[in-house]
N, C-alpha and C. Protein backbone atom coordinates (compact mmCIF):
# COMPACT_ATOMS: atom_id res chain seq x y z
N MET A 1 78.88 86.84 52.30
CA MET A 1 78.43 86.89 53.63
C MET A 1 79.94 86.23 54.19
N SER A 2 80.29 86.63 55.23
CA SER A 2 81.30 86.27 55.80
C SER A 2 81.60 85.70 57.13
N PHE A 3 82.02 84.67 57.11
CA PHE A 3 81.71 84.17 58.51
C PHE A 3 83.35 83.81 59.40
N GLN A 4 83.30 83.33 60.31
CA GLN A 4 84.58 83.13 61.25
C GLN A 4 84.66 81.89 62.15
N TRP A 5 85.72 81.02 61.85
CA TRP A 5 85.63 80.06 61.86
C TRP A 5 86.28 79.92 63.48
N THR A 6 85.40 79.48 64.63
CA THR A 6 85.76 80.03 65.73
C THR A 6 85.87 78.45 66.64
N PRO A 7 86.61 78.24 67.88
CA PRO A 7 86.29 76.96 68.20
C PRO A 7 85.17 76.15 68.21
N HIS A 8 84.11 77.09 68.25
CA HIS A 8 82.40 76.07 68.38
C HIS A 8 82.47 75.31 67.44
N ARG A 9 82.96 75.81 66.26
CA ARG A 9 82.61 75.24 65.04
C ARG A 9 83.67 73.81 64.91
N PHE A 10 84.50 73.91 65.91
CA PHE A 10 85.39 72.41 65.95
C PHE A 10 85.11 71.73 67.11
N SER A 11 83.72 71.77 67.26
CA SER A 11 83.36 70.99 68.36
C SER A 11 83.03 69.55 68.54
N ALA A 12 82.95 69.36 67.43
CA ALA A 12 82.28 67.80 66.90
C ALA A 12 83.05 66.64 67.86
N GLY A 13 84.12 66.81 67.66
CA GLY A 13 85.16 65.91 68.23
C GLY A 13 85.87 65.21 66.97
N ALA A 14 85.85 65.10 65.61
CA ALA A 14 86.30 64.62 64.67
C ALA A 14 86.13 65.54 63.53
N LEU A 15 87.16 65.89 62.89
CA LEU A 15 87.53 66.50 61.40
C LEU A 15 86.16 66.17 60.33
N ALA A 16 85.83 64.97 60.81
CA ALA A 16 84.92 64.64 59.35
C ALA A 16 83.33 64.96 59.84
N LEU A 17 83.17 64.95 61.25
CA LEU A 17 81.82 65.79 62.11
C LEU A 17 82.15 67.47 61.38
N ASP A 18 83.00 67.85 61.33
CA ASP A 18 83.53 69.18 61.76
C ASP A 18 82.95 69.58 60.63
N VAL A 19 83.30 69.19 59.24
CA VAL A 19 82.79 69.07 58.15
C VAL A 19 81.37 69.24 57.10
N ALA A 20 81.04 68.18 58.15
CA ALA A 20 79.36 67.86 58.20
C ALA A 20 78.71 68.99 58.69
N ASN A 21 78.93 69.62 59.85
CA ASN A 21 78.46 70.58 60.50
C ASN A 21 78.85 72.03 60.17
N SER A 22 79.34 72.25 58.68
CA SER A 22 79.48 72.92 57.87
C SER A 22 77.86 73.64 57.29
N VAL A 23 76.91 73.00 57.27
CA VAL A 23 75.67 73.67 57.13
C VAL A 23 75.00 73.97 58.09
N ILE A 24 74.89 74.72 58.60
CA ILE A 24 74.09 75.45 59.38
C ILE A 24 72.46 75.60 59.29
N LEU A 25 71.88 74.77 60.49
CA LEU A 25 70.68 74.93 60.43
C LEU A 25 70.23 73.94 59.11
N ARG A 26 70.57 72.80 58.77
CA ARG A 26 70.49 71.82 57.94
C ARG A 26 69.39 71.46 57.69
N PHE A 27 68.34 71.24 58.30
CA PHE A 27 66.99 70.81 58.09
C PHE A 27 65.92 72.24 58.11
N ASP A 28 66.26 73.74 58.22
CA ASP A 28 65.77 74.61 58.32
C ASP A 28 65.42 75.18 56.84
N GLU A 29 64.75 75.24 56.51
CA GLU A 29 64.91 75.26 54.72
C GLU A 29 65.00 76.85 54.49
N ARG A 30 64.12 77.67 55.54
CA ARG A 30 64.53 79.24 55.60
C ARG A 30 65.45 79.69 55.87
N ARG A 31 66.39 79.14 56.99
CA ARG A 31 67.08 79.66 57.26
C ARG A 31 68.74 78.79 57.37
N ARG A 32 68.50 77.80 56.42
CA ARG A 32 69.73 77.15 56.21
C ARG A 32 71.00 78.02 55.62
N THR A 33 72.38 77.81 55.92
CA THR A 33 73.35 77.92 55.71
C THR A 33 74.46 77.21 55.09
N ASP A 34 75.24 77.30 53.95
CA ASP A 34 76.29 76.55 53.81
C ASP A 34 77.41 77.30 53.69
N ARG A 35 77.85 77.19 54.55
CA ARG A 35 79.35 77.78 54.65
C ARG A 35 80.03 77.64 53.63
N PHE A 36 79.89 77.03 52.91
CA PHE A 36 81.27 76.57 51.83
C PHE A 36 80.26 77.20 50.67
N ALA A 37 79.40 77.90 50.57
CA ALA A 37 78.78 78.28 49.33
C ALA A 37 79.18 79.49 48.81
N VAL A 38 80.28 79.47 50.12
CA VAL A 38 81.16 81.37 49.80
C VAL A 38 82.84 80.89 49.47
N PRO A 39 83.19 80.61 48.19
CA PRO A 39 84.33 79.79 47.81
C PRO A 39 85.14 80.67 49.27
N ALA A 40 85.71 81.73 49.34
CA ALA A 40 86.83 82.00 50.31
C ALA A 40 86.81 80.94 51.67
N GLN A 41 85.75 80.83 51.98
CA GLN A 41 85.41 79.89 52.84
C GLN A 41 86.06 78.43 53.14
N PHE A 42 86.65 78.01 51.79
CA PHE A 42 87.47 77.10 51.88
C PHE A 42 88.82 77.07 52.34
N ASP A 43 89.50 78.34 51.83
CA ASP A 43 90.91 78.67 52.54
C ASP A 43 90.80 79.12 53.79
N ALA A 44 89.49 79.60 54.50
CA ALA A 44 89.59 79.94 55.90
C ALA A 44 89.67 78.83 56.68
N PHE A 45 89.06 77.98 56.04
CA PHE A 45 88.20 76.98 56.86
C PHE A 45 89.58 75.46 56.99
N ALA A 46 90.39 75.64 55.90
CA ALA A 46 91.67 74.72 56.55
C ALA A 46 92.54 75.56 57.18
N ALA A 47 92.71 76.91 57.24
CA ALA A 47 93.16 77.73 58.06
C ALA A 47 92.91 77.41 59.64
N ALA A 48 91.50 77.27 59.93
CA ALA A 48 90.95 76.87 61.11
C ALA A 48 91.30 75.81 61.78
N ALA A 49 91.13 74.77 60.73
CA ALA A 49 91.24 73.63 61.01
C ALA A 49 92.71 73.21 61.45
N SER A 50 93.20 73.59 61.07
CA SER A 50 94.82 73.10 61.06
C SER A 50 95.01 73.54 62.96
N ALA A 51 94.08 74.86 63.37
CA ALA A 51 94.40 75.39 64.64
C ALA A 51 93.65 74.73 65.51
N LEU A 52 92.27 74.38 65.53
CA LEU A 52 91.43 74.27 66.38
C LEU A 52 90.38 72.90 66.20
N CYS A 53 90.39 72.19 64.81
CA CYS A 53 90.26 70.58 65.13
C CYS A 53 90.62 69.84 66.08
N ALA A 54 89.84 68.87 66.51
CA ALA A 54 90.10 67.82 67.60
C ALA A 54 91.11 67.00 67.18
N GLU A 55 91.27 66.92 65.82
CA GLU A 55 92.19 65.80 65.24
C GLU A 55 93.36 66.60 64.69
N ARG A 56 93.76 68.09 64.98
CA ARG A 56 94.78 68.49 64.33
C ARG A 56 96.23 68.33 64.54
N GLY A 57 96.69 67.26 65.65
CA GLY A 57 98.00 66.08 65.94
C GLY A 57 97.79 65.23 64.73
N ALA A 58 96.66 64.68 64.63
CA ALA A 58 96.82 63.69 63.38
C ALA A 58 97.17 64.40 62.23
N PHE A 59 97.01 65.08 61.62
CA PHE A 59 97.65 65.45 60.19
C PHE A 59 98.60 67.20 60.24
N PRO A 60 99.22 66.79 59.28
CA PRO A 60 100.22 68.41 59.13
C PRO A 60 99.36 69.31 59.07
N ASP A 61 99.83 70.64 58.64
CA ASP A 61 99.19 71.86 58.42
C ASP A 61 98.17 71.25 57.37
N LEU A 62 96.85 71.75 57.12
CA LEU A 62 95.74 71.59 56.28
C LEU A 62 95.87 72.65 55.28
N THR A 63 95.83 72.29 53.77
CA THR A 63 95.45 72.99 52.76
C THR A 63 94.38 73.05 52.42
N PRO A 64 93.72 74.55 51.64
CA PRO A 64 92.33 74.28 51.07
C PRO A 64 92.36 73.22 50.22
N VAL A 65 90.70 72.86 49.76
CA VAL A 65 90.24 71.88 48.83
C VAL A 65 91.04 72.41 47.32
N PRO A 66 91.80 71.85 46.54
CA PRO A 66 91.80 72.31 45.37
C PRO A 66 90.66 72.95 44.75
N PRO A 67 90.43 73.51 44.01
CA PRO A 67 89.58 74.37 43.36
C PRO A 67 88.42 73.03 42.19
N GLY A 68 89.44 72.35 41.69
CA GLY A 68 88.37 71.28 40.60
C GLY A 68 88.23 70.12 42.12
N GLN A 69 88.22 70.31 43.23
CA GLN A 69 88.16 69.35 43.77
C GLN A 69 86.51 69.15 44.85
N ARG A 70 86.46 70.52 45.06
CA ARG A 70 85.17 71.22 45.86
C ARG A 70 84.03 70.70 45.77
N GLY A 71 83.67 70.20 44.40
CA GLY A 71 82.48 69.37 44.28
C GLY A 71 82.26 68.21 45.15
N ALA A 72 83.39 67.40 44.77
CA ALA A 72 83.54 66.18 45.39
C ALA A 72 83.79 65.87 46.81
N PHE A 73 84.46 67.47 47.11
CA PHE A 73 84.38 67.51 48.72
C PHE A 73 82.64 67.59 49.49
N ILE A 74 81.70 68.41 48.75
CA ILE A 74 80.24 68.72 49.14
C ILE A 74 80.29 67.37 49.37
N ALA A 75 80.02 66.56 48.24
CA ALA A 75 79.26 65.52 47.99
C ALA A 75 79.76 64.59 49.04
N LEU A 76 81.22 64.53 49.42
CA LEU A 76 81.82 63.88 50.43
C LEU A 76 81.08 64.00 51.74
N ARG A 77 81.08 65.37 52.11
CA ARG A 77 80.42 65.72 53.07
C ARG A 77 79.34 65.44 53.48
N GLU A 78 78.11 65.77 52.34
CA GLU A 78 76.94 65.18 52.52
C GLU A 78 76.92 63.61 52.85
N ALA A 79 77.62 62.78 52.10
CA ALA A 79 77.64 61.64 52.28
C ALA A 79 78.25 60.88 54.43
N ILE A 80 79.22 62.27 54.66
CA ILE A 80 79.43 61.50 55.69
C ILE A 80 78.48 62.28 56.66
N ASP A 81 77.40 63.38 56.39
CA ASP A 81 76.67 64.04 57.30
C ASP A 81 74.96 62.34 57.29
N GLY A 82 74.98 62.17 56.18
CA GLY A 82 73.92 61.10 56.10
C GLY A 82 74.06 59.93 56.66
N HIS A 83 75.36 58.90 56.46
CA HIS A 83 75.85 58.09 57.70
C HIS A 83 75.93 58.10 58.84
N PHE A 84 76.86 59.19 59.37
CA PHE A 84 76.83 59.17 61.09
C PHE A 84 75.46 59.83 61.62
N ARG A 85 74.41 60.92 60.70
CA ARG A 85 73.69 61.28 61.12
C ARG A 85 72.57 59.58 61.57
N HIS A 86 72.56 58.88 60.21
CA HIS A 86 71.68 57.80 60.68
C HIS A 86 72.25 56.87 61.68
N ARG A 87 73.54 57.03 62.06
CA ARG A 87 74.38 56.19 62.94
C ARG A 87 73.89 56.57 64.56
N ALA A 88 73.84 57.84 64.41
CA ALA A 88 73.31 58.34 65.75
C ALA A 88 71.87 58.45 66.35
N ARG A 89 71.22 58.18 64.93
CA ARG A 89 69.67 57.98 65.36
C ARG A 89 69.37 56.39 65.41
N ALA A 90 69.89 55.93 64.88
CA ALA A 90 69.51 54.49 65.00
C ALA A 90 70.31 53.41 65.59
N GLY A 91 71.63 53.79 65.81
CA GLY A 91 72.56 52.86 66.67
C GLY A 91 72.84 52.22 65.51
N SER A 92 72.61 52.04 64.45
CA SER A 92 73.39 51.16 63.90
C SER A 92 73.35 51.96 61.95
N ASP A 93 74.35 50.81 61.31
CA ASP A 93 74.04 51.31 59.79
C ASP A 93 73.16 51.29 58.98
N ASP A 94 73.16 52.20 57.89
CA ASP A 94 72.65 51.77 56.92
C ASP A 94 73.28 51.24 55.83
N MET A 95 73.01 50.44 55.21
CA MET A 95 74.57 49.86 54.55
C MET A 95 74.88 50.51 52.99
N GLY A 96 73.48 51.21 52.75
CA GLY A 96 73.17 51.97 51.31
C GLY A 96 74.36 53.35 52.00
N LEU A 97 73.94 53.85 53.06
CA LEU A 97 74.49 54.88 53.27
C LEU A 97 75.97 54.58 53.23
N LEU A 98 76.24 53.83 54.13
CA LEU A 98 78.01 53.14 54.04
C LEU A 98 78.48 53.69 52.57
N ALA A 99 77.78 52.54 52.03
CA ALA A 99 78.38 52.38 50.43
C ALA A 99 78.36 53.40 50.01
N ASP A 100 77.90 54.30 50.03
CA ASP A 100 78.15 55.88 49.66
C ASP A 100 79.19 56.61 50.17
N LEU A 101 79.04 56.47 51.38
CA LEU A 101 80.52 57.07 51.84
C LEU A 101 81.37 56.38 51.76
N LEU A 102 81.62 54.90 51.71
CA LEU A 102 83.14 54.83 50.98
C LEU A 102 83.08 55.02 49.88
N ALA A 103 82.41 55.18 48.78
CA ALA A 103 82.43 55.29 47.35
C ALA A 103 83.09 56.65 47.42
N ARG A 104 82.68 57.75 48.31
CA ARG A 104 83.10 59.00 48.45
C ARG A 104 84.37 59.03 48.78
N LEU A 105 84.88 58.09 49.93
CA LEU A 105 86.30 58.10 50.34
C LEU A 105 87.24 57.34 49.98
N SER A 106 86.70 56.46 48.49
CA SER A 106 87.66 56.16 47.97
C SER A 106 88.28 56.92 46.49
N ALA A 107 87.06 57.68 46.32
CA ALA A 107 87.16 58.86 45.02
C ALA A 107 88.06 59.88 45.72
N THR A 108 88.06 60.17 47.07
CA THR A 108 89.17 61.41 47.60
C THR A 108 90.40 60.65 47.42
N PHE A 109 90.33 59.72 47.74
CA PHE A 109 91.70 58.95 47.93
C PHE A 109 92.26 58.88 46.66
N ALA A 110 91.65 58.59 45.83
CA ALA A 110 91.96 58.31 44.46
C ALA A 110 92.83 59.55 44.10
N ALA A 111 92.03 60.82 44.35
CA ALA A 111 91.89 62.09 43.81
C ALA A 111 93.59 62.35 44.36
N HIS A 112 94.37 61.86 45.50
CA HIS A 112 95.18 62.26 46.04
C HIS A 112 96.04 61.23 45.90
N ALA A 113 96.41 60.42 44.86
CA ALA A 113 97.25 59.36 45.01
C ALA A 113 98.50 59.65 45.02
N ALA A 114 99.07 60.84 44.14
CA ALA A 114 100.18 60.68 44.11
C ALA A 114 100.87 61.73 45.34
N PRO A 115 102.19 60.93 45.85
CA PRO A 115 102.92 61.49 47.00
C PRO A 115 102.82 63.42 46.86
N SER A 116 102.70 63.68 48.07
CA SER A 116 102.23 65.14 47.93
C SER A 116 103.12 65.77 49.65
N ASP A 117 103.70 66.61 49.92
CA ASP A 117 103.99 67.34 51.36
C ASP A 117 103.22 68.06 52.05
N THR A 118 101.45 68.07 51.18
CA THR A 118 100.51 69.05 51.73
C THR A 118 99.55 67.79 52.23
N CYS A 119 98.55 68.08 52.99
CA CYS A 119 97.08 67.67 53.50
C CYS A 119 96.13 68.73 53.03
N PRO A 120 95.39 68.25 51.50
CA PRO A 120 94.45 69.05 51.75
C PRO A 120 93.35 68.78 52.38
N VAL A 121 92.16 69.34 52.88
CA VAL A 121 91.38 69.48 53.87
C VAL A 121 90.19 68.22 53.31
N ASP A 122 90.19 68.03 51.85
CA ASP A 122 89.71 67.08 51.61
C ASP A 122 90.12 65.37 51.59
N LEU A 123 91.35 65.52 51.78
CA LEU A 123 91.75 64.18 52.48
C LEU A 123 91.95 63.74 53.75
N ALA A 124 92.37 64.79 54.37
CA ALA A 124 92.02 64.80 55.77
C ALA A 124 91.02 64.38 56.34
N THR A 125 89.70 65.31 55.55
CA THR A 125 88.14 64.76 56.05
C THR A 125 87.83 63.24 55.88
N ALA A 126 88.76 62.53 54.57
CA ALA A 126 88.78 61.32 54.34
C ALA A 126 88.99 60.57 55.12
N ARG A 127 90.42 61.17 56.05
CA ARG A 127 90.52 59.97 56.49
C ARG A 127 90.37 60.15 58.09
N SER A 128 89.73 61.40 58.28
CA SER A 128 88.82 61.27 59.76
C SER A 128 87.49 60.57 59.41
N ALA A 129 86.76 61.02 58.36
CA ALA A 129 85.73 59.60 58.33
C ALA A 129 85.89 57.97 58.44
N LEU A 130 86.86 57.64 57.58
CA LEU A 130 87.08 56.20 57.42
C LEU A 130 87.50 55.95 59.02
N GLY A 131 88.48 56.60 60.06
CA GLY A 131 88.28 56.32 61.14
C GLY A 131 87.43 56.41 62.03
N LEU A 132 86.98 56.98 61.53
CA LEU A 132 85.25 56.92 62.53
C LEU A 132 84.71 55.94 62.27
N VAL A 133 84.51 55.63 60.80
CA VAL A 133 83.51 54.28 60.19
C VAL A 133 83.97 53.10 61.23
N ALA A 134 85.11 52.92 61.80
CA ALA A 134 85.54 51.81 62.12
C ALA A 134 85.93 51.94 63.34
N SER A 135 85.84 53.11 64.16
CA SER A 135 86.01 53.60 65.54
C SER A 135 85.01 53.10 66.76
N PRO A 136 85.33 52.23 67.95
CA PRO A 136 83.76 52.08 68.81
C PRO A 136 83.26 53.69 69.45
N ASP A 137 83.85 54.95 68.95
CA ASP A 137 83.37 56.06 69.17
C ASP A 137 82.03 56.52 68.28
N THR A 138 81.64 55.65 67.31
CA THR A 138 80.34 55.76 66.86
C THR A 138 79.28 55.31 67.68
N LYS A 139 79.76 54.62 68.71
CA LYS A 139 78.52 54.31 69.88
C LYS A 139 78.44 55.67 70.42
N ARG A 140 79.18 56.85 70.13
CA ARG A 140 79.01 57.99 71.31
C ARG A 140 78.44 59.21 70.65
N LEU A 141 78.45 58.60 69.53
CA LEU A 141 77.82 60.13 68.04
C LEU A 141 76.29 60.38 68.99
N LYS A 142 75.80 61.90 68.55
CA LYS A 142 74.99 62.09 69.27
C LYS A 142 74.31 63.13 68.40
N ILE A 143 73.35 64.07 68.46
CA ILE A 143 73.11 64.97 67.75
C ILE A 143 72.60 65.97 68.64
N CYS A 144 73.09 67.36 68.49
CA CYS A 144 72.69 68.60 69.29
C CYS A 144 71.17 68.76 69.22
N PRO A 145 70.28 68.59 70.60
CA PRO A 145 68.96 68.94 70.09
C PRO A 145 68.91 70.53 70.18
N ASN A 146 69.58 71.32 70.19
CA ASN A 146 69.50 72.52 69.76
C ASN A 146 69.99 73.09 68.41
N CYS A 147 71.15 72.84 67.83
CA CYS A 147 71.66 73.33 66.63
C CYS A 147 71.54 71.93 65.10
N GLU A 148 71.34 70.62 66.15
CA GLU A 148 71.17 69.50 65.26
C GLU A 148 72.48 69.27 64.57
N TRP A 149 73.84 69.39 65.17
CA TRP A 149 75.16 69.30 64.31
C TRP A 149 75.22 67.91 65.42
N LEU A 150 76.27 67.58 64.53
CA LEU A 150 77.05 65.90 64.89
C LEU A 150 78.18 66.02 65.86
N PHE A 151 78.12 65.08 67.19
CA PHE A 151 79.59 65.41 67.79
C PHE A 151 79.19 63.96 68.69
N ILE A 152 80.55 63.85 69.02
CA ILE A 152 81.13 62.49 69.78
C ILE A 152 81.24 63.03 71.34
N ASP A 153 80.64 62.03 71.93
CA ASP A 153 80.30 62.71 73.07
C ASP A 153 80.93 62.14 74.09
N ARG A 154 82.56 62.22 74.63
CA ARG A 154 83.46 61.53 75.34
C ARG A 154 83.47 61.89 76.35
N SER A 155 82.68 62.61 77.38
CA SER A 155 82.15 62.43 78.54
C SER A 155 82.62 61.18 79.05
N LYS A 156 82.75 61.15 80.26
CA LYS A 156 83.12 59.56 81.14
C LYS A 156 81.58 58.90 81.29
N ASN A 157 80.55 59.45 81.72
CA ASN A 157 79.40 58.91 81.61
C ASN A 157 78.59 59.30 80.82
N ARG A 158 78.89 59.59 79.29
CA ARG A 158 78.30 59.64 78.57
C ARG A 158 76.61 60.63 78.44
N SER A 159 77.13 61.99 79.44
CA SER A 159 76.26 62.32 79.22
C SER A 159 75.83 63.85 78.73
N ARG A 160 76.79 64.25 78.06
CA ARG A 160 76.83 65.57 77.02
C ARG A 160 75.50 65.10 76.14
N THR A 161 75.34 66.64 76.54
CA THR A 161 73.95 66.52 75.94
C THR A 161 74.16 67.52 74.38
N TRP A 162 74.77 68.98 74.59
CA TRP A 162 74.97 69.75 73.17
C TRP A 162 75.94 69.28 72.75
N CYS A 163 76.43 70.30 71.70
CA CYS A 163 77.55 69.87 70.65
C CYS A 163 78.57 71.18 71.66
N ASP A 164 78.29 71.95 72.36
CA ASP A 164 78.81 72.98 73.21
C ASP A 164 78.28 73.59 73.96
N MET A 165 78.27 73.24 75.41
CA MET A 165 78.37 73.69 76.27
C MET A 165 77.89 75.46 76.56
N ALA A 166 78.78 75.91 76.15
CA ALA A 166 78.74 77.40 75.57
C ALA A 166 78.14 78.36 75.16
N VAL A 167 77.81 77.08 73.82
CA VAL A 167 76.62 77.71 72.76
C VAL A 167 75.17 77.72 73.01
N CYS A 168 75.31 75.98 72.79
CA CYS A 168 73.98 75.62 72.82
C CYS A 168 73.44 74.95 74.04
N GLY A 169 74.15 74.68 74.62
CA GLY A 169 73.76 74.25 76.22
C GLY A 169 73.36 75.96 76.72
N ASN A 170 73.75 77.11 76.86
CA ASN A 170 73.33 78.31 77.12
C ASN A 170 72.54 78.68 76.25
N ARG A 171 72.14 78.36 75.37
CA ARG A 171 70.83 79.00 74.22
C ARG A 171 69.77 78.23 75.37
N SER A 172 69.95 76.77 75.46
CA SER A 172 69.06 75.77 75.87
C SER A 172 68.27 76.41 76.83
N LYS A 173 69.28 76.50 77.69
CA LYS A 173 68.99 76.87 79.55
C LYS A 173 68.29 78.41 79.47
N ALA A 174 68.95 79.47 78.43
CA ALA A 174 68.20 80.64 78.35
C ALA A 174 66.92 80.31 77.57
N ARG A 175 66.53 79.96 77.06
CA ARG A 175 65.60 79.59 76.41
C ARG A 175 64.24 79.04 77.34
N LEU A 176 64.64 78.03 78.19
CA LEU A 176 63.71 77.49 79.66
C LEU A 176 63.55 78.58 80.70
N HIS A 177 64.61 79.20 80.71
CA HIS A 177 64.44 80.20 81.42
C HIS A 177 63.44 81.40 81.59
N TYR A 178 63.00 82.01 80.21
CA TYR A 178 62.56 83.01 79.36
C TYR A 178 61.18 81.81 79.81
N HIS A 179 60.85 81.15 79.36
CA HIS A 179 59.54 80.36 79.03
C HIS A 179 59.15 79.63 80.46
N ARG A 180 59.51 79.98 81.48
CA ARG A 180 59.24 79.81 83.08
C ARG A 180 58.99 81.08 84.01
N GLN A 181 59.67 82.30 83.45
CA GLN A 181 59.71 83.61 84.02
C GLN A 181 58.35 83.64 83.14
N ARG A 182 58.04 83.86 81.93
CA ARG A 182 56.96 84.31 81.31
C ARG A 182 55.62 83.29 81.63
N ASN A 183 55.76 82.36 81.93
CA ASN A 183 54.55 81.93 82.54
C ASN A 183 54.70 81.47 83.78
N GLY A 184 55.17 82.31 84.46
CA GLY A 184 55.37 82.40 86.25
C GLY A 184 55.67 81.56 87.11
N GLU A 185 56.27 80.27 86.60
CA GLU A 185 56.87 79.21 86.79
C GLU A 185 57.82 79.62 87.73
N ALA A 186 58.16 79.18 89.01
CA ALA A 186 59.42 79.30 90.11
C ALA A 186 60.38 78.20 89.48
N LYS A 187 61.73 78.57 90.03
CA LYS A 187 63.10 77.78 89.24
C LYS A 187 62.55 76.13 89.50
């Protein structure tokens, strides 16, 4: 299966959250899709993140996760999702989830201890997650009611509802309009 990494796929506001959101319909067993189940997507993601990620200025051009590190990258993604999803729902940290995330971050940093001119996506993702752990932005974490992606609400009055208004917001409004029309309700 082939995917396109569009700007919508980078609407979370942080690379770490964009990576967590690489599982589509995470909680729907029938329709769940892991974009990284297709090995070529590791390469495509690095190129797209370099161009589209909200934190693209914080990293040099990103390179794909080395093949030997891909399993660890997926484990990092799951730790990021678990910690920040809990944080968004509960408004506080779960120390076990935080410890797991910090262990995954530490392993990623250790795997890239040798100096390099490149920045693999897994290293940039770890740096993004570590920065987010300590950031006041965690108070602005939300979960999209349409697709359940994580995102940072950076709107002035914290009123952003969807991960991306052009996609999830429009789908939600269209669904509401359809149900109103079907039930004969006026606007």
